[in-house]
Amino acid sequence: MNHAYRVVIASAAGALAACSDNASGPNNGQSCAEANLIAVPTLQGITVPAENADCVDFEPGSGTYLIVPEFAAAATAITQTGFAIGATAAATTASSPMVADGIASASPPRGAQAEFDARMRAVAHATALGLTTDVRSRQSTTRVQASVLPPPPVGSTRVFSVCASLDCSSFNTDTAVLKFVGQNTLLYVSQHVFPPPQGFSDAQLSAFATIMDQILYPLDTTTFAPPSDIDNNGRVMILMSLLVNAITPASTCLTEGYVAGFFFPPDLVPTTPHSNGGELYYTIAPDPNGTASCAHTVQDVDDGNGATFLHELLHMINFNEKVFVNGLSDTEVEFLDEGMAKIAEELGSIYYETKYPPPLGRTNADQIFPDSAEGYISGDLFNSYQFLSSPVQSTATRSVGASTLGDAGAEWLFLRWLGDQQGESIFGRIVRSGLVGIPNVEAQSGRPYATLLGEVGLAVYTDSLVGVPRDQVPATLRYGNRRWREIYPAVFRAVGGPTPDFPVPFPITLKTISASTTITSAMLSGSMEFYKFVAPASGAPQRLRFSAPGGGALSSSLNAQVSVFHCPSDAACM
């Protein structure tokens, strides 16, 4: 028998009390049995599982609640599913007036870099599927070869094949000069780049390369795993070329940004057409007059390269681990490949945050992040703000298609919370695992995905509640060092908000569920929405209904659940 979950006031701050029979399936959406008691103490949260998510009772006078409905299923089909959420007297299931929750119908933006990354994922997918078992096994042995070929001399040249368009359907060749030989990297610079002052001086180039070689490469490889070494040179090559600039049409730069750098998976399979036969990262070159495409100064390239290098090196590592080391016939799914790449970017920020604690390294004393960290964290903050502003349009677990900017923000928030809960080592375990997707996350965390999504859905709001000592909220409902009610308002001030991208200091706006109105909306699998419900001071218990728009049951494939947090006051959950 299914039971309604009855949410009551409870002052004890211990474990949640739950007394219910084992449910055999989702409620039929039309009636709810009498509830067994579920006690949610103040400042505690609970996730009501799918079989009972449309029958949650609130006792009169019990206070204010944060309500987070979620579809805890992998986003295998990127379509929004309609739902209704509202409250009625617990003794009745009569429908309430419907109020539409406005949802933008336009497709969320991706940006040129994200679109190109999606194209490279498709190329990686095709490359992996095309490999024989023998080739995958042979390639995997290259990572442990004892001999390493000596690097070519500085000043020597090499010819590279480079994608010539956003869809990578054509290629050009470029001759580049080896300018830097490091412990972990080789930097080749095209013969066609501009000399200083339009381009890098030798000293600037050496500093640029040294950061990748001595700081960024170890951050990625220590956190995740080493890359392959199919050319047996013990290093990752870096190519700086105006051909990379030219991949993005100048007109696209104005509306969608540009491709700053990339990893081309066939480079790891020398027999593939256009393969450069080694581990290779491609980056744009300075072009202040915009002769190849967008204008990029030396400072632009220097500032933006670090995060891109960490991101693309993770893709290189992930391909090697899944396809060569673990012998899988396919690559990691979208949300873990892109999400881990966003975690990789953040590694650069964490490095500089540790190196320059407040107030060091900051132009302004009130900056949360030092100047040197901002290029590594700004993308994650922008994307996550966009997700939290309109979460129903994005998903944390996209498994098909290309991640939008909002998806990237959701992926980062999910994985950042997971790392804060279980330690940074979980990132390496996920990358090195022979599993992919949600089964990979569950295996490495030891917890069901639905439980994880339920807790992170609360944590993005309940971390650092206004007027509440932070340690009074359970650790599972908080992040580590990322305090969102400090960070997002600081970004808001820094960009001169309100702006179109940052209209309010804190991105989550709670929609109010009343005892007389049902809200209809729609969201993706792997997503959530945020509501507030205040239990009436007296009268009958109020029943929360999470159902299909017509009042019927949501599909069991959605794994629809509701997370509930008992706010200490109405002011704490505005």
Protein backbone atom coordinates (compact mmCIF):
# COMPACT_ATOMS: atom_id res chain seq x y z
CA MET A 1 0.00 0.00 0.00
CA ASN A 2 1.22 3.51 -0.78
CA HIS A 3 1.11 6.08 1.98
CA ALA A 4 1.04 9.84 2.06
CA TYR A 5 4.08 11.34 3.75
CA ARG A 6 2.97 13.55 6.62
CA VAL A 7 5.38 16.40 7.37
CA VAL A 8 5.13 17.73 10.91
CA ILE A 9 7.03 20.06 13.15
CA ALA A 10 9.80 18.41 15.13
CA SER A 11 12.27 20.24 17.31
CA ALA A 12 14.82 17.46 17.72
CA ALA A 13 17.73 17.84 15.32
CA GLY A 14 18.50 14.16 14.99
CA ALA A 15 17.77 11.66 12.25
CA LEU A 16 14.47 11.81 10.39
CA ALA A 17 11.80 9.47 11.69
CA ALA A 18 10.13 7.33 9.03
CA CYS A 19 7.50 4.66 9.53
CA SER A 20 5.96 3.34 6.34
CA ASP A 21 5.33 0.08 4.59
CA ASN A 22 7.38 -0.79 1.55
CA ALA A 23 5.66 0.79 -1.43
CA SER A 24 5.06 -1.33 -4.49
CA GLY A 25 4.87 1.38 -7.13
CA PRO A 26 3.94 4.98 -7.92
CA ASN A 27 0.69 6.35 -6.57
CA ASN A 28 -2.14 6.49 -9.08
CA GLY A 29 -2.33 10.27 -8.79
CA GLN A 30 -5.99 10.18 -7.79
CA SER A 31 -6.03 9.26 -4.10
CA CYS A 32 -3.70 8.94 -1.14
CA ALA A 33 -3.91 6.55 1.77
CA GLU A 34 -3.61 7.67 5.37
CA ALA A 35 -0.12 8.86 6.16
CA ASN A 36 2.44 7.32 8.41
CA LEU A 37 4.49 9.91 10.26
CA ILE A 38 7.54 11.51 8.66
CA ALA A 39 9.14 14.03 10.99
CA VAL A 40 11.24 16.78 9.42
CA PRO A 41 12.97 18.75 12.18
CA THR A 42 13.66 22.42 11.59
CA LEU A 43 16.80 22.90 9.46
CA GLN A 44 16.61 19.32 8.21
CA GLY A 45 15.65 17.93 4.82
CA ILE A 46 14.23 14.76 3.34
CA THR A 47 13.65 13.42 -0.16
CA VAL A 48 10.26 11.79 -0.65
CA PRO A 49 10.74 8.99 -3.21
CA ALA A 50 8.77 8.60 -6.41
CA GLU A 51 6.20 6.15 -5.03
CA ASN A 52 4.96 8.77 -2.55
CA ALA A 53 5.93 12.09 -4.14
CA ASP A 54 2.34 13.03 -4.96
CA CYS A 55 1.10 12.54 -1.37
CA VAL A 56 2.96 14.76 1.11
CA ASP A 57 0.94 16.18 4.03
CA PHE A 58 1.82 19.30 6.04
CA GLU A 59 0.43 19.71 9.54
CA PRO A 60 -1.18 23.09 10.31
CA GLY A 61 1.13 25.46 12.14
CA SER A 62 4.25 23.52 11.19
CA GLY A 63 5.95 26.45 9.45
CA THR A 64 7.68 27.21 6.17
CA TYR A 65 9.13 24.66 3.77
CA LEU A 66 11.42 24.66 0.77
CA ILE A 67 9.92 22.30 -1.83
CA VAL A 68 12.11 20.96 -4.66
CA PRO A 69 10.40 18.62 -7.14
CA GLU A 70 12.81 16.67 -9.36
CA PHE A 71 12.83 14.18 -12.19
CA ALA A 72 15.60 11.89 -10.94
CA ALA A 73 16.15 10.07 -14.21
CA ALA A 74 18.95 10.37 -16.74
CA ALA A 75 18.23 12.86 -19.51
CA THR A 76 18.20 10.37 -22.36
CA ALA A 77 15.54 12.34 -24.23
CA ILE A 78 15.96 16.11 -24.09
CA THR A 79 12.32 17.10 -23.89
CA GLN A 80 10.51 18.91 -21.12
CA THR A 81 7.77 16.99 -19.32
CA GLY A 82 4.81 18.83 -17.86
CA PHE A 83 3.92 18.58 -14.19
CA ALA A 84 1.58 20.14 -11.64
CA ILE A 85 2.36 20.97 -8.05
CA GLY A 86 0.02 22.39 -5.44
CA ALA A 87 -1.63 21.86 -2.08
CA THR A 88 -5.18 20.97 -1.09
CA ALA A 89 -6.85 19.80 2.08
CA ALA A 90 -5.44 16.35 2.90
CA ALA A 91 -8.88 14.80 3.06
CA THR A 92 -9.68 15.65 -0.54
CA THR A 93 -8.01 15.40 -3.93
CA ALA A 94 -10.20 18.02 -5.59
CA SER A 95 -8.32 19.99 -8.20
CA SER A 96 -7.25 23.59 -7.55
CA PRO A 97 -7.15 26.46 -10.02
CA MET A 98 -4.19 26.05 -12.38
CA VAL A 99 -1.60 28.80 -12.73
CA ALA A 100 0.93 28.49 -15.54
CA ASP A 101 4.56 28.94 -14.56
CA GLY A 102 6.13 30.77 -17.51
CA ILE A 103 8.87 28.80 -19.27
CA ALA A 104 10.96 30.18 -22.09
CA SER A 105 10.33 28.21 -25.25
CA ALA A 106 13.55 29.13 -27.04
CA SER A 107 16.41 26.65 -26.91
CA PRO A 108 18.95 27.63 -24.23
CA PRO A 109 22.25 28.97 -25.61
CA ARG A 110 25.31 26.82 -26.07
CA GLY A 111 28.04 29.03 -27.52
CA ALA A 112 30.60 28.28 -30.21
CA GLN A 113 33.04 26.52 -27.86
CA ALA A 114 30.31 24.27 -26.47
CA GLU A 115 29.04 23.48 -29.96
CA PHE A 116 32.55 22.62 -31.10
CA ASP A 117 33.13 20.50 -28.00
CA ALA A 118 29.93 18.64 -28.88
CA ARG A 119 31.27 18.06 -32.37
CA MET A 120 34.51 16.71 -30.88
CA ARG A 121 32.46 14.40 -28.64
CA ALA A 122 30.73 13.04 -31.73
CA VAL A 123 34.14 12.56 -33.33
CA ALA A 124 35.37 10.81 -30.16
CA HIS A 125 32.30 8.56 -30.18
CA ALA A 126 32.88 7.59 -33.82
CA THR A 127 36.60 7.09 -33.24
CA ALA A 128 36.02 4.80 -30.27
CA LEU A 129 33.39 2.73 -32.07
CA GLY A 130 35.73 2.30 -35.03
CA LEU A 131 38.60 0.82 -33.02
CA THR A 132 39.20 -2.90 -32.92
CA THR A 133 39.82 -4.64 -29.61
CA ASP A 134 43.42 -5.23 -30.67
CA VAL A 135 44.03 -1.52 -31.31
CA ARG A 136 42.49 -0.50 -27.97
CA SER A 137 44.67 -3.03 -26.16
CA ARG A 138 47.81 -1.99 -28.02
CA GLN A 139 47.23 1.70 -27.36
CA SER A 140 46.71 1.08 -23.64
CA THR A 141 50.23 -0.29 -23.27
CA THR A 142 51.79 2.98 -24.40
CA ARG A 143 51.03 4.63 -21.06
CA VAL A 144 53.43 2.32 -19.22
CA GLN A 145 56.26 2.14 -21.73
CA ALA A 146 59.62 2.44 -20.05
CA SER A 147 61.46 4.19 -22.89
CA VAL A 148 60.71 7.80 -23.80
CA LEU A 149 62.07 9.33 -26.97
CA PRO A 150 64.14 12.48 -26.49
CA PRO A 151 62.28 15.66 -27.49
CA PRO A 152 63.09 17.37 -30.78
CA PRO A 153 65.43 20.35 -30.52
CA VAL A 154 64.02 23.81 -29.95
CA GLY A 155 63.76 25.53 -33.33
CA SER A 156 62.84 22.38 -35.24
CA THR A 157 59.66 22.40 -37.31
CA ARG A 158 56.70 20.09 -37.74
CA VAL A 159 53.68 20.07 -40.04
CA PHE A 160 50.24 19.75 -38.42
CA SER A 161 46.78 19.06 -39.81
CA VAL A 162 44.16 21.38 -38.28
CA CYS A 163 40.35 21.52 -38.43
CA ALA A 164 39.25 24.31 -40.76
CA SER A 165 35.59 24.78 -39.79
CA LEU A 166 33.17 24.48 -36.87
CA ASP A 167 31.96 21.10 -38.12
CA CYS A 168 35.55 19.93 -38.72
CA SER A 169 34.60 18.72 -42.20
CA SER A 170 37.72 20.20 -43.78
CA PHE A 171 41.35 20.61 -42.75
CA ASN A 172 44.33 22.84 -43.43
CA THR A 173 48.01 22.26 -42.76
CA ASP A 174 50.33 24.50 -40.79
CA THR A 175 54.06 24.40 -40.21
CA ALA A 176 55.04 25.25 -36.65
CA VAL A 177 58.31 25.84 -34.81
CA LEU A 178 59.10 24.15 -31.50
CA LYS A 179 59.54 27.06 -29.08
CA PHE A 180 59.46 25.38 -25.66
CA VAL A 181 60.43 21.98 -24.30
CA GLY A 182 59.11 21.36 -20.81
CA GLN A 183 58.93 18.42 -18.48
CA ASN A 184 55.36 17.65 -19.54
CA THR A 185 54.68 19.67 -22.68
CA LEU A 186 56.08 20.77 -26.04
CA LEU A 187 54.92 24.15 -27.39
CA TYR A 188 54.82 24.56 -31.17
CA VAL A 189 54.06 27.99 -32.61
CA SER A 190 52.94 28.46 -36.20
CA GLN A 191 55.33 30.19 -38.56
CA HIS A 192 52.46 32.52 -39.46
CA VAL A 193 51.77 34.04 -36.03
CA PHE A 194 52.39 37.75 -35.57
CA PRO A 195 55.65 38.95 -34.02
CA PRO A 196 55.61 41.19 -30.93
CA PRO A 197 54.04 43.52 -30.03
CA GLN A 198 51.01 41.97 -31.81
CA GLY A 199 52.18 38.52 -30.74
CA PHE A 200 54.02 36.96 -27.81
CA SER A 201 57.60 37.95 -27.08
CA ASP A 202 59.97 35.10 -26.28
CA ALA A 203 59.75 35.90 -22.56
CA GLN A 204 55.96 36.02 -22.64
CA LEU A 205 55.81 32.77 -24.57
CA SER A 206 58.09 31.04 -22.07
CA ALA A 207 55.91 32.20 -19.15
CA PHE A 208 52.77 31.13 -21.02
CA ALA A 209 54.16 27.64 -21.65
CA THR A 210 55.63 27.23 -18.17
CA ILE A 211 52.23 27.70 -16.51
CA MET A 212 50.77 24.86 -18.58
CA ASP A 213 53.82 22.67 -18.06
CA GLN A 214 54.49 23.18 -14.36
CA ILE A 215 51.11 24.13 -12.85
CA LEU A 216 48.15 23.15 -15.00
CA TYR A 217 49.31 19.80 -16.39
CA PRO A 218 50.09 18.45 -12.87
CA LEU A 219 46.74 19.71 -11.56
CA ASP A 220 44.81 17.68 -14.14
CA THR A 221 46.96 14.57 -14.10
CA THR A 222 47.18 14.39 -10.30
CA THR A 223 43.43 14.84 -9.87
CA PHE A 224 42.29 12.55 -12.68
CA ALA A 225 44.98 10.44 -14.39
CA PRO A 226 47.89 10.83 -16.83
CA PRO A 227 47.08 11.07 -20.54
CA SER A 228 48.16 8.42 -23.01
CA ASP A 229 51.58 8.61 -24.66
CA ILE A 230 51.10 7.04 -28.07
CA ASP A 231 54.06 8.86 -29.62
CA ASN A 232 56.31 7.83 -26.69
CA ASN A 233 57.67 11.32 -26.11
CA GLY A 234 56.44 11.62 -22.51
CA ARG A 235 54.73 14.95 -23.24
CA VAL A 236 51.59 16.62 -24.53
CA MET A 237 52.11 18.81 -27.59
CA ILE A 238 50.56 22.28 -27.76
CA LEU A 239 49.99 24.00 -31.10
CA MET A 240 49.40 27.77 -31.24
CA SER A 241 48.04 28.62 -34.67
CA LEU A 242 45.92 31.24 -36.44
CA LEU A 243 44.18 28.29 -38.12
CA VAL A 244 42.49 27.70 -34.76
CA ASN A 245 41.30 31.32 -34.75
CA ALA A 246 39.89 30.84 -38.23
CA ILE A 247 37.67 27.93 -37.17
CA THR A 248 35.18 30.49 -35.82
CA PRO A 249 33.67 32.88 -38.39
CA ALA A 250 34.01 36.50 -37.30
CA SER A 251 30.23 36.95 -37.38
CA THR A 252 29.80 34.05 -34.95
CA CYS A 253 32.15 35.68 -32.46
CA LEU A 254 29.69 38.52 -31.94
CA THR A 255 26.75 36.28 -31.08
CA GLU A 256 28.14 32.95 -29.83
CA GLY A 257 31.74 33.55 -28.84
CA TYR A 258 34.64 31.60 -30.32
CA VAL A 259 36.57 28.34 -30.16
CA ALA A 260 39.54 29.07 -27.89
CA GLY A 261 41.11 25.60 -28.01
CA PHE A 262 40.36 21.91 -28.39
CA PHE A 263 41.45 18.28 -28.33
CA PHE A 264 40.96 16.25 -31.54
CA PRO A 265 40.43 12.56 -30.58
CA PRO A 266 41.72 11.03 -33.86
CA ASP A 267 45.15 12.43 -32.97
CA LEU A 268 45.40 9.45 -30.62
CA VAL A 269 44.85 6.99 -33.48
CA PRO A 270 47.65 7.54 -36.02
CA THR A 271 45.89 5.52 -38.74
CA THR A 272 42.91 7.90 -38.74
CA PRO A 273 42.77 10.52 -41.52
CA HIS A 274 44.13 13.92 -40.41
CA SER A 275 45.58 12.43 -37.22
CA ASN A 276 48.71 14.14 -35.92
CA GLY A 277 49.73 10.93 -34.19
CA GLY A 278 50.16 12.17 -30.64
CA GLU A 279 48.64 13.92 -27.65
CA LEU A 280 47.93 17.45 -28.90
CA TYR A 281 46.13 20.53 -27.59
CA TYR A 282 45.26 23.28 -30.08
CA THR A 283 45.04 26.94 -29.02
CA ILE A 284 44.34 30.28 -30.68
CA ALA A 285 47.13 32.78 -31.38
CA PRO A 286 47.14 36.54 -30.72
CA ASP A 287 45.53 38.46 -33.59
CA PRO A 288 44.76 41.98 -32.30
CA ASN A 289 43.58 43.24 -35.69
CA GLY A 290 41.23 40.33 -36.33
CA THR A 291 42.82 39.21 -39.58
CA ALA A 292 41.85 35.54 -39.16
CA SER A 293 38.56 36.00 -37.29
CA CYS A 294 37.87 37.62 -33.88
CA ALA A 295 40.43 40.05 -32.53
CA HIS A 296 42.55 38.59 -29.70
CA THR A 297 45.35 40.43 -27.94
CA VAL A 298 48.26 38.71 -26.23
CA GLN A 299 46.56 39.41 -22.91
CA ASP A 300 43.29 37.87 -24.15
CA VAL A 301 45.02 34.64 -25.14
CA ASP A 302 47.06 34.55 -21.95
CA ASP A 303 44.02 35.14 -19.72
CA GLY A 304 41.71 32.65 -21.42
CA ASN A 305 44.05 29.80 -22.22
CA GLY A 306 44.51 28.25 -18.78
CA ALA A 307 40.91 27.15 -18.23
CA THR A 308 40.64 25.89 -21.81
CA PHE A 309 43.84 23.85 -21.47
CA LEU A 310 42.63 22.19 -18.26
CA HIS A 311 39.22 21.51 -19.84
CA GLU A 312 40.56 19.96 -23.05
CA LEU A 313 43.31 17.99 -21.32
CA LEU A 314 40.57 16.35 -19.23
CA HIS A 315 38.80 15.29 -22.43
CA MET A 316 42.09 13.78 -23.62
CA ILE A 317 42.56 11.94 -20.32
CA ASN A 318 38.95 10.73 -20.27
CA PHE A 319 39.19 9.31 -23.79
CA ASN A 320 42.35 7.42 -22.90
CA GLU A 321 40.94 6.03 -19.65
CA LYS A 322 37.63 4.84 -21.08
CA VAL A 323 38.71 3.62 -24.51
CA PHE A 324 42.34 2.52 -24.15
CA VAL A 325 42.92 1.76 -20.47
CA ASN A 326 39.49 0.23 -19.74
CA GLY A 327 38.92 -1.05 -23.28
CA LEU A 328 35.39 0.36 -23.62
CA SER A 329 33.86 0.60 -27.07
CA ASP A 330 32.58 4.11 -26.38
CA THR A 331 33.49 7.26 -24.47
CA GLU A 332 32.09 8.75 -21.25
CA VAL A 333 28.55 10.16 -21.49
CA GLU A 334 28.02 13.88 -22.04
CA PHE A 335 27.35 15.10 -18.50
CA LEU A 336 30.38 13.37 -16.97
CA ASP A 337 32.75 14.26 -19.80
CA GLU A 338 31.72 17.93 -19.80
CA GLY A 339 31.07 18.11 -16.06
CA MET A 340 34.52 16.76 -15.24
CA ALA A 341 36.00 19.25 -17.71
CA LYS A 342 34.31 22.06 -15.75
CA ILE A 343 35.75 20.61 -12.53
CA ALA A 344 39.13 20.61 -14.27
CA GLU A 345 38.79 24.33 -15.02
CA GLU A 346 38.02 25.00 -11.37
CA LEU A 347 41.28 23.31 -10.35
CA GLY A 348 43.11 26.38 -11.63
CA SER A 349 40.97 28.65 -9.48
CA ILE A 350 41.48 26.49 -6.38
CA TYR A 351 45.24 26.57 -6.97
CA TYR A 352 45.35 30.38 -7.03
CA GLU A 353 42.80 30.74 -4.21
CA THR A 354 45.15 28.66 -2.05
CA LYS A 355 48.21 30.60 -3.18
CA TYR A 356 46.60 34.00 -2.57
CA PRO A 357 44.31 33.91 0.50
CA PRO A 358 42.35 37.14 1.16
CA PRO A 359 43.26 39.93 0.78
CA LEU A 360 46.33 38.96 -1.28
CA GLY A 361 46.35 39.06 -5.08
CA ARG A 362 43.16 41.09 -5.39
CA THR A 363 42.66 44.39 -7.18
CA ASN A 364 39.84 45.17 -4.76
CA ALA A 365 39.89 44.07 -1.14
CA ASP A 366 36.30 42.79 -1.27
CA GLN A 367 36.98 40.32 -4.10
CA ILE A 368 36.17 36.72 -3.18
CA PHE A 369 38.58 35.34 -5.77
CA PRO A 370 42.11 36.59 -6.48
CA ASP A 371 42.69 38.14 -9.89
CA SER A 372 44.66 35.10 -11.06
CA ALA A 373 41.77 32.72 -10.23
CA GLU A 374 38.98 34.56 -12.01
CA GLY A 375 39.74 33.25 -15.50
CA TYR A 376 39.34 29.69 -14.20
CA ILE A 377 36.13 30.12 -12.19
CA SER A 378 34.17 32.80 -14.08
CA GLY A 379 32.74 30.37 -16.65
CA ASP A 380 31.49 28.00 -13.96
CA LEU A 381 29.90 30.87 -12.05
CA PHE A 382 28.20 32.28 -15.14
CA ASN A 383 26.86 28.89 -16.22
CA SER A 384 25.66 27.90 -12.77
CA TYR A 385 23.88 31.24 -12.29
CA GLN A 386 22.08 30.70 -15.61
CA PHE A 387 21.02 27.22 -14.50
CA LEU A 388 19.72 28.34 -11.10
CA SER A 389 17.85 31.25 -12.69
CA SER A 390 15.80 28.87 -14.84
CA PRO A 391 16.59 25.31 -13.75
CA VAL A 392 13.72 23.61 -15.60
CA GLN A 393 15.40 24.36 -18.94
CA SER A 394 18.62 22.51 -18.09
CA THR A 395 19.76 19.15 -16.77
CA ALA A 396 22.63 17.94 -14.63
CA THR A 397 22.69 14.53 -16.33
CA ARG A 398 22.46 15.05 -20.08
CA SER A 399 23.44 11.84 -21.80
CA VAL A 400 22.65 12.80 -25.41
CA GLY A 401 23.29 15.90 -27.48
CA ALA A 402 25.39 18.92 -26.58
CA SER A 403 25.33 20.53 -23.16
CA THR A 404 23.91 24.04 -23.00
CA LEU A 405 25.50 26.68 -20.81
CA GLY A 406 22.83 25.96 -18.20
CA ASP A 407 23.55 22.23 -18.42
CA ALA A 408 27.24 22.93 -17.85
CA GLY A 409 26.32 24.93 -14.76
CA ALA A 410 24.10 22.12 -13.45
CA GLU A 411 26.80 19.52 -14.12
CA TRP A 412 29.39 21.57 -12.26
CA LEU A 413 27.12 22.23 -9.27
CA PHE A 414 26.30 18.51 -9.01
CA LEU A 415 29.92 17.35 -9.24
CA ARG A 416 31.30 20.14 -7.05
CA TRP A 417 28.86 19.17 -4.30
CA LEU A 418 29.78 15.49 -4.77
CA GLY A 419 33.47 16.32 -4.39
CA ASP A 420 32.78 18.42 -1.31
CA GLN A 421 30.84 15.55 0.26
CA GLN A 422 33.18 12.68 -0.58
CA GLY A 423 36.54 14.30 -1.18
CA GLU A 424 38.33 15.32 -4.37
CA SER A 425 39.54 11.76 -4.96
CA ILE A 426 36.10 10.80 -6.27
CA PHE A 427 36.84 12.73 -9.46
CA GLY A 428 39.80 10.51 -10.27
CA ARG A 429 37.80 7.39 -9.47
CA ILE A 430 35.03 8.43 -11.84
CA VAL A 431 37.47 9.14 -14.67
CA ARG A 432 39.50 5.95 -14.17
CA SER A 433 36.44 3.71 -13.81
CA GLY A 434 35.39 1.22 -16.45
CA LEU A 435 31.80 2.43 -16.00
CA VAL A 436 30.10 5.45 -17.57
CA GLY A 437 27.21 7.78 -16.75
CA ILE A 438 24.95 7.46 -13.73
CA PRO A 439 26.10 3.87 -12.92
CA ASN A 440 29.62 5.29 -12.69
CA VAL A 441 28.55 8.01 -10.25
CA GLU A 442 26.61 5.52 -8.12
CA ALA A 443 29.47 3.03 -8.03
CA GLN A 444 32.11 5.59 -7.03
CA SER A 445 29.93 7.40 -4.48
CA GLY A 446 28.24 4.28 -3.08
CA ARG A 447 24.88 6.07 -3.11
CA PRO A 448 21.80 6.04 -5.38
CA TYR A 449 21.67 8.83 -7.92
CA ALA A 450 18.15 9.86 -6.86
CA THR A 451 19.39 10.41 -3.29
CA LEU A 452 22.33 12.48 -4.52
CA LEU A 453 20.14 14.64 -6.75
CA GLY A 454 17.67 15.16 -3.91
CA GLU A 455 20.38 16.41 -1.57
CA VAL A 456 22.10 18.66 -4.08
CA GLY A 457 18.71 20.08 -5.07
CA LEU A 458 18.34 21.32 -1.51
CA ALA A 459 22.00 22.22 -0.97
CA VAL A 460 22.16 24.85 -3.72
CA TYR A 461 19.56 26.79 -1.72
CA THR A 462 20.12 25.78 1.91
CA ASP A 463 23.88 26.40 1.95
CA SER A 464 24.51 29.67 3.87
CA LEU A 465 20.88 30.54 4.60
CA VAL A 466 20.45 34.18 5.57
CA GLY A 467 20.43 34.62 9.34
CA VAL A 468 21.28 30.97 10.05
CA PRO A 469 24.69 29.81 11.36
CA ARG A 470 26.07 27.71 8.54
CA ASP A 471 26.91 24.68 10.66
CA GLN A 472 23.30 24.33 11.79
CA VAL A 473 22.38 22.99 8.35
CA PRO A 474 23.36 19.32 7.84
CA ALA A 475 26.67 18.85 6.01
CA THR A 476 24.92 16.93 3.21
CA LEU A 477 22.87 20.05 2.48
CA ARG A 478 25.90 22.34 2.22
CA TYR A 479 28.86 22.83 -0.09
CA GLY A 480 32.44 23.09 1.09
CA ASN A 481 34.14 26.43 0.44
CA ARG A 482 31.64 27.66 -2.13
CA ARG A 483 29.16 29.85 -0.27
CA TRP A 484 26.60 30.83 -2.88
CA ARG A 485 24.97 33.67 -0.94
CA GLU A 486 28.35 35.38 -0.84
CA ILE A 487 29.61 34.43 -4.29
CA TYR A 488 26.64 35.24 -6.55
CA PRO A 489 25.95 38.67 -4.97
CA ALA A 490 29.67 39.45 -5.35
CA VAL A 491 29.48 38.57 -9.06
CA PHE A 492 26.29 40.66 -9.32
CA ARG A 493 28.12 43.69 -7.90
CA ALA A 494 31.23 43.10 -10.00
CA VAL A 495 29.30 43.13 -13.29
CA GLY A 496 27.31 46.22 -12.30
CA GLY A 497 24.04 44.33 -11.84
CA PRO A 498 21.27 44.23 -12.57
CA THR A 499 22.21 43.15 -16.09
CA PRO A 500 20.41 40.81 -18.51
CA ASP A 501 22.66 37.92 -17.45
CA PHE A 502 22.66 38.79 -13.72
CA PRO A 503 19.28 40.39 -12.98
CA VAL A 504 19.27 39.72 -9.21
CA PRO A 505 21.98 39.12 -6.58
CA PHE A 506 20.93 35.52 -5.85
CA PRO A 507 19.66 33.49 -8.80
CA ILE A 508 17.06 31.24 -7.12
CA THR A 509 13.64 32.82 -6.77
CA LEU A 510 11.18 30.67 -4.84
CA LYS A 511 7.72 30.36 -6.35
CA THR A 512 4.96 30.16 -3.75
CA ILE A 513 2.65 27.16 -3.51
CA SER A 514 -0.59 28.11 -1.82
CA ALA A 515 -3.38 26.00 -0.35
CA SER A 516 -5.72 27.05 -3.13
CA THR A 517 -3.63 27.15 -6.31
CA THR A 518 -1.85 24.51 -8.37
CA ILE A 519 1.11 25.59 -10.49
CA THR A 520 1.71 23.90 -13.83
CA SER A 521 5.16 23.84 -15.34
CA ALA A 522 7.56 21.53 -17.19
CA MET A 523 11.17 20.45 -16.79
CA LEU A 524 13.81 18.09 -18.08
CA SER A 525 14.91 14.85 -16.50
CA GLY A 526 17.88 15.44 -14.23
CA SER A 527 16.47 18.83 -13.26
CA MET A 528 14.51 20.53 -10.50
CA GLU A 529 12.45 23.58 -9.58
CA PHE A 530 12.24 25.60 -6.36
CA TYR A 531 9.08 26.46 -4.41
CA LYS A 532 8.03 27.64 -0.97
CA PHE A 533 5.04 26.44 1.01
CA VAL A 534 3.80 27.91 4.29
CA ALA A 535 1.54 25.58 6.23
CA PRO A 536 -1.69 27.30 7.38
CA ALA A 537 -1.74 28.24 11.04
CA SER A 538 -4.80 26.10 11.71
CA GLY A 539 -7.38 23.89 10.06
CA ALA A 540 -6.93 20.68 8.15
CA PRO A 541 -3.55 19.28 7.08
CA GLN A 542 -2.50 20.40 3.60
CA ARG A 543 -1.55 17.83 1.00
CA LEU A 544 1.20 18.53 -1.53
CA ARG A 545 0.49 16.96 -4.92
CA PHE A 546 3.27 16.44 -7.49
CA SER A 547 1.53 14.98 -10.51
CA ALA A 548 0.91 15.23 -14.22
CA PRO A 549 -0.79 18.51 -15.26
CA GLY A 550 -4.24 16.86 -15.31
CA GLY A 551 -3.80 15.35 -11.85
CA GLY A 552 -2.82 11.88 -13.02
CA ALA A 553 0.37 10.01 -12.25
CA LEU A 554 3.68 11.08 -13.71
CA SER A 555 5.44 8.38 -15.72
CA SER A 556 7.48 6.03 -13.55
CA SER A 557 10.38 6.48 -16.01
CA LEU A 558 10.81 10.06 -14.73
CA ASN A 559 11.50 8.88 -11.15
CA ALA A 560 9.66 11.98 -9.92
CA GLN A 561 10.56 12.84 -6.33
CA VAL A 562 10.15 15.78 -3.98
CA SER A 563 12.81 17.10 -1.61
CA VAL A 564 11.56 19.02 1.43
CA PHE A 565 13.53 21.27 3.79
CA HIS A 566 12.03 22.69 7.00
CA CYS A 567 12.96 26.38 7.06
CA PRO A 568 13.60 27.96 10.49
CA SER A 569 11.49 30.97 9.50
CA ASP A 570 9.72 32.49 6.55
CA ALA A 571 12.51 35.06 6.24
CA ALA A 572 15.17 32.34 5.82
CA CYS A 573 13.42 30.99 2.72
CA MET A 574 12.43 34.09 0.79
